[in-house]
């Protein structure tokens, strides 16, 4: 998908249409001890068994686990920065395999 590097868009801070610079948001990796990861580990059966496992024992190596039926593309977030007031906002969820800013 080809997207221009600049775009005329409405800026809620300036309350008018201004030129915006578009960049791709770099996604950070979610921590391994966050709630979803621990819940997923529990559902995978690591939390069951004999003996003292504390909350559910040690966390499993999630890198070895692979989701089946995954989508072929990820959603890409775009960061729009107003050139007048330098205020930024995120445009969520454009599903694309390859993004090219031109």
C-alpha atoms as a PDB file:
ATOM      1  CA  UNK A   1       0.000   0.000   0.000  1.00  0.00           C
ATOM      2  CA  UNK A   2       1.406   3.377  -1.003  1.00  0.00           C
ATOM      3  CA  UNK A   3       0.628   6.373   1.216  1.00  0.00           C
ATOM      4  CA  UNK A   4       1.859   9.966   0.749  1.00  0.00           C
ATOM      5  CA  UNK A   5       4.222  11.376   3.401  1.00  0.00           C
ATOM      6  CA  UNK A   6       2.049  14.482   3.841  1.00  0.00           C
ATOM      7  CA  UNK A   7      -1.708  14.925   3.847  1.00  0.00           C
ATOM      8  CA  UNK A   8      -4.289  17.684   4.376  1.00  0.00           C
ATOM      9  CA  UNK A   9      -6.315  16.673   7.439  1.00  0.00           C
ATOM     10  CA  UNK A  10      -8.363  18.202  10.251  1.00  0.00           C
ATOM     11  CA  UNK A  11      -6.380  19.091  13.374  1.00  0.00           C
ATOM     12  CA  UNK A  12      -8.502  19.113  16.562  1.00  0.00           C
ATOM     13  CA  UNK A  13      -5.950  21.381  18.307  1.00  0.00           C
ATOM     14  CA  UNK A  14      -5.854  24.045  15.548  1.00  0.00           C
ATOM     15  CA  UNK A  15      -9.568  23.432  14.767  1.00  0.00           C
ATOM     16  CA  UNK A  16      -8.904  23.637  11.016  1.00  0.00           C
ATOM     17  CA  UNK A  17      -7.507  21.605   8.129  1.00  0.00           C
ATOM     18  CA  UNK A  18      -3.718  21.716   8.031  1.00  0.00           C
ATOM     19  CA  UNK A  19      -0.840  19.835   6.432  1.00  0.00           C
ATOM     20  CA  UNK A  20       0.041  16.670   8.378  1.00  0.00           C
ATOM     21  CA  UNK A  21       3.217  14.588   8.236  1.00  0.00           C
ATOM     22  CA  UNK A  22       2.566  10.825   8.202  1.00  0.00           C
ATOM     23  CA  UNK A  23       4.913   8.259   9.760  1.00  0.00           C
ATOM     24  CA  UNK A  24       4.519   4.619  10.717  1.00  0.00           C
ATOM     25  CA  UNK A  25       4.238   3.823  14.436  1.00  0.00           C
ATOM     26  CA  UNK A  26       6.888   1.414  15.665  1.00  0.00           C
ATOM     27  CA  UNK A  27       5.160  -1.274  17.729  1.00  0.00           C
ATOM     28  CA  UNK A  28       6.783  -2.382  20.967  1.00  0.00           C
ATOM     29  CA  UNK A  29       6.671  -6.016  21.997  1.00  0.00           C
ATOM     30  CA  UNK A  30       4.220  -6.793  24.774  1.00  0.00           C
ATOM     31  CA  UNK A  31       5.823  -7.925  28.044  1.00  0.00           C
ATOM     32  CA  UNK A  32       5.820 -11.635  28.803  1.00  0.00           C
ATOM     33  CA  UNK A  33       4.281 -11.114  32.247  1.00  0.00           C
ATOM     34  CA  UNK A  34       1.333  -9.021  31.081  1.00  0.00           C
ATOM     35  CA  UNK A  35      -2.166 -10.261  31.822  1.00  0.00           C
ATOM     36  CA  UNK A  36      -2.954 -11.766  28.425  1.00  0.00           C
ATOM     37  CA  UNK A  37       0.289 -13.726  28.295  1.00  0.00           C
ATOM     38  CA  UNK A  38      -0.229 -15.209  31.751  1.00  0.00           C
ATOM     39  CA  UNK A  39      -3.844 -16.089  30.962  1.00  0.00           C
ATOM     40  CA  UNK A  40      -2.764 -17.726  27.720  1.00  0.00           C
ATOM     41  CA  UNK A  41      -0.131 -19.714  29.591  1.00  0.00           C
ATOM     42  CA  UNK A  42      -2.726 -20.839  32.104  1.00  0.00           C
ATOM     43  CA  UNK A  43      -5.125 -21.922  29.356  1.00  0.00           C
ATOM     44  CA  UNK A  44      -2.382 -23.979  27.747  1.00  0.00           C
ATOM     45  CA  UNK A  45      -2.406 -26.236  30.774  1.00  0.00           C
ATOM     46  CA  UNK A  46       0.771 -25.129  32.483  1.00  0.00           C
ATOM     47  CA  UNK A  47      -1.219 -24.140  35.557  1.00  0.00           C
ATOM     48  CA  UNK A  48      -2.451 -27.674  36.255  1.00  0.00           C
ATOM     49  CA  UNK A  49      -0.601 -30.456  37.984  1.00  0.00           C
ATOM     50  CA  UNK A  50       0.676 -31.707  41.338  1.00  0.00           C
ATOM     51  CA  UNK A  51       2.638 -29.892  43.978  1.00  0.00           C
ATOM     52  CA  UNK A  52       3.111 -26.224  44.743  1.00  0.00           C
ATOM     53  CA  UNK A  53       2.927 -24.188  41.556  1.00  0.00           C
ATOM     54  CA  UNK A  54       2.375 -20.847  43.286  1.00  0.00           C
ATOM     55  CA  UNK A  55       0.138 -18.699  41.089  1.00  0.00           C
ATOM     56  CA  UNK A  56       0.779 -21.035  38.114  1.00  0.00           C
ATOM     57  CA  UNK A  57       4.448 -21.766  38.429  1.00  0.00           C
ATOM     58  CA  UNK A  58       7.033 -20.462  36.004  1.00  0.00           C
ATOM     59  CA  UNK A  59       5.876 -18.920  32.736  1.00  0.00           C
ATOM     60  CA  UNK A  60       6.166 -21.135  29.639  1.00  0.00           C
ATOM     61  CA  UNK A  61       8.321 -20.359  26.619  1.00  0.00           C
ATOM     62  CA  UNK A  62       5.685 -18.733  24.455  1.00  0.00           C
ATOM     63  CA  UNK A  63       8.139 -18.424  21.551  1.00  0.00           C
ATOM     64  CA  UNK A  64       7.803 -22.190  21.001  1.00  0.00           C
ATOM     65  CA  UNK A  65       4.023 -21.900  20.731  1.00  0.00           C
ATOM     66  CA  UNK A  66       2.460 -20.970  17.415  1.00  0.00           C
ATOM     67  CA  UNK A  67      -1.056 -19.773  16.743  1.00  0.00           C
ATOM     68  CA  UNK A  68      -2.832 -21.632  13.943  1.00  0.00           C
ATOM     69  CA  UNK A  69      -4.991 -19.904  11.352  1.00  0.00           C
ATOM     70  CA  UNK A  70      -3.227 -16.560  11.784  1.00  0.00           C
ATOM     71  CA  UNK A  71      -3.996 -13.679   9.453  1.00  0.00           C
ATOM     72  CA  UNK A  72      -1.609 -12.991   6.579  1.00  0.00           C
ATOM     73  CA  UNK A  73      -1.254  -9.267   7.316  1.00  0.00           C
ATOM     74  CA  UNK A  74      -0.932  -7.072  10.392  1.00  0.00           C
ATOM     75  CA  UNK A  75      -2.738  -3.837  11.147  1.00  0.00           C
ATOM     76  CA  UNK A  76      -0.436  -0.835  10.764  1.00  0.00           C
ATOM     77  CA  UNK A  77      -0.882   2.339  12.829  1.00  0.00           C
ATOM     78  CA  UNK A  78      -0.041   5.687  11.237  1.00  0.00           C
ATOM     79  CA  UNK A  79       1.108   8.711  13.239  1.00  0.00           C
ATOM     80  CA  UNK A  80      -0.181  12.030  11.901  1.00  0.00           C
ATOM     81  CA  UNK A  81       1.706  15.131  13.086  1.00  0.00           C
ATOM     82  CA  UNK A  82       0.325  18.617  12.430  1.00  0.00           C
ATOM     83  CA  UNK A  83       2.975  20.835  10.838  1.00  0.00           C
ATOM     84  CA  UNK A  84       1.603  24.005  12.526  1.00  0.00           C
ATOM     85  CA  UNK A  85       1.132  22.986  16.181  1.00  0.00           C
ATOM     86  CA  UNK A  86       3.274  19.777  16.126  1.00  0.00           C
ATOM     87  CA  UNK A  87       0.435  17.861  17.827  1.00  0.00           C
ATOM     88  CA  UNK A  88       0.325  14.151  16.933  1.00  0.00           C
ATOM     89  CA  UNK A  89      -2.441  11.595  16.800  1.00  0.00           C
ATOM     90  CA  UNK A  90      -2.652   7.975  15.713  1.00  0.00           C
ATOM     91  CA  UNK A  91      -4.715   6.727  12.789  1.00  0.00           C
ATOM     92  CA  UNK A  92      -5.511   3.138  13.824  1.00  0.00           C
ATOM     93  CA  UNK A  93      -5.740  -0.061  11.887  1.00  0.00           C
ATOM     94  CA  UNK A  94      -4.849  -0.081   8.215  1.00  0.00           C
ATOM     95  CA  UNK A  95      -4.462  -3.766   7.318  1.00  0.00           C
ATOM     96  CA  UNK A  96      -1.637  -4.163   4.834  1.00  0.00           C
ATOM     97  CA  UNK A  97       1.216  -6.560   4.128  1.00  0.00           C
ATOM     98  CA  UNK A  98       3.644  -3.862   3.003  1.00  0.00           C
ATOM     99  CA  UNK A  99       3.457  -0.120   3.649  1.00  0.00           C
ATOM    100  CA  UNK A 100       5.356   2.377   1.512  1.00  0.00           C
ATOM    101  CA  UNK A 101       5.455   6.089   2.363  1.00  0.00           C
ATOM    102  CA  UNK A 102       6.214   8.201  -0.699  1.00  0.00           C
END
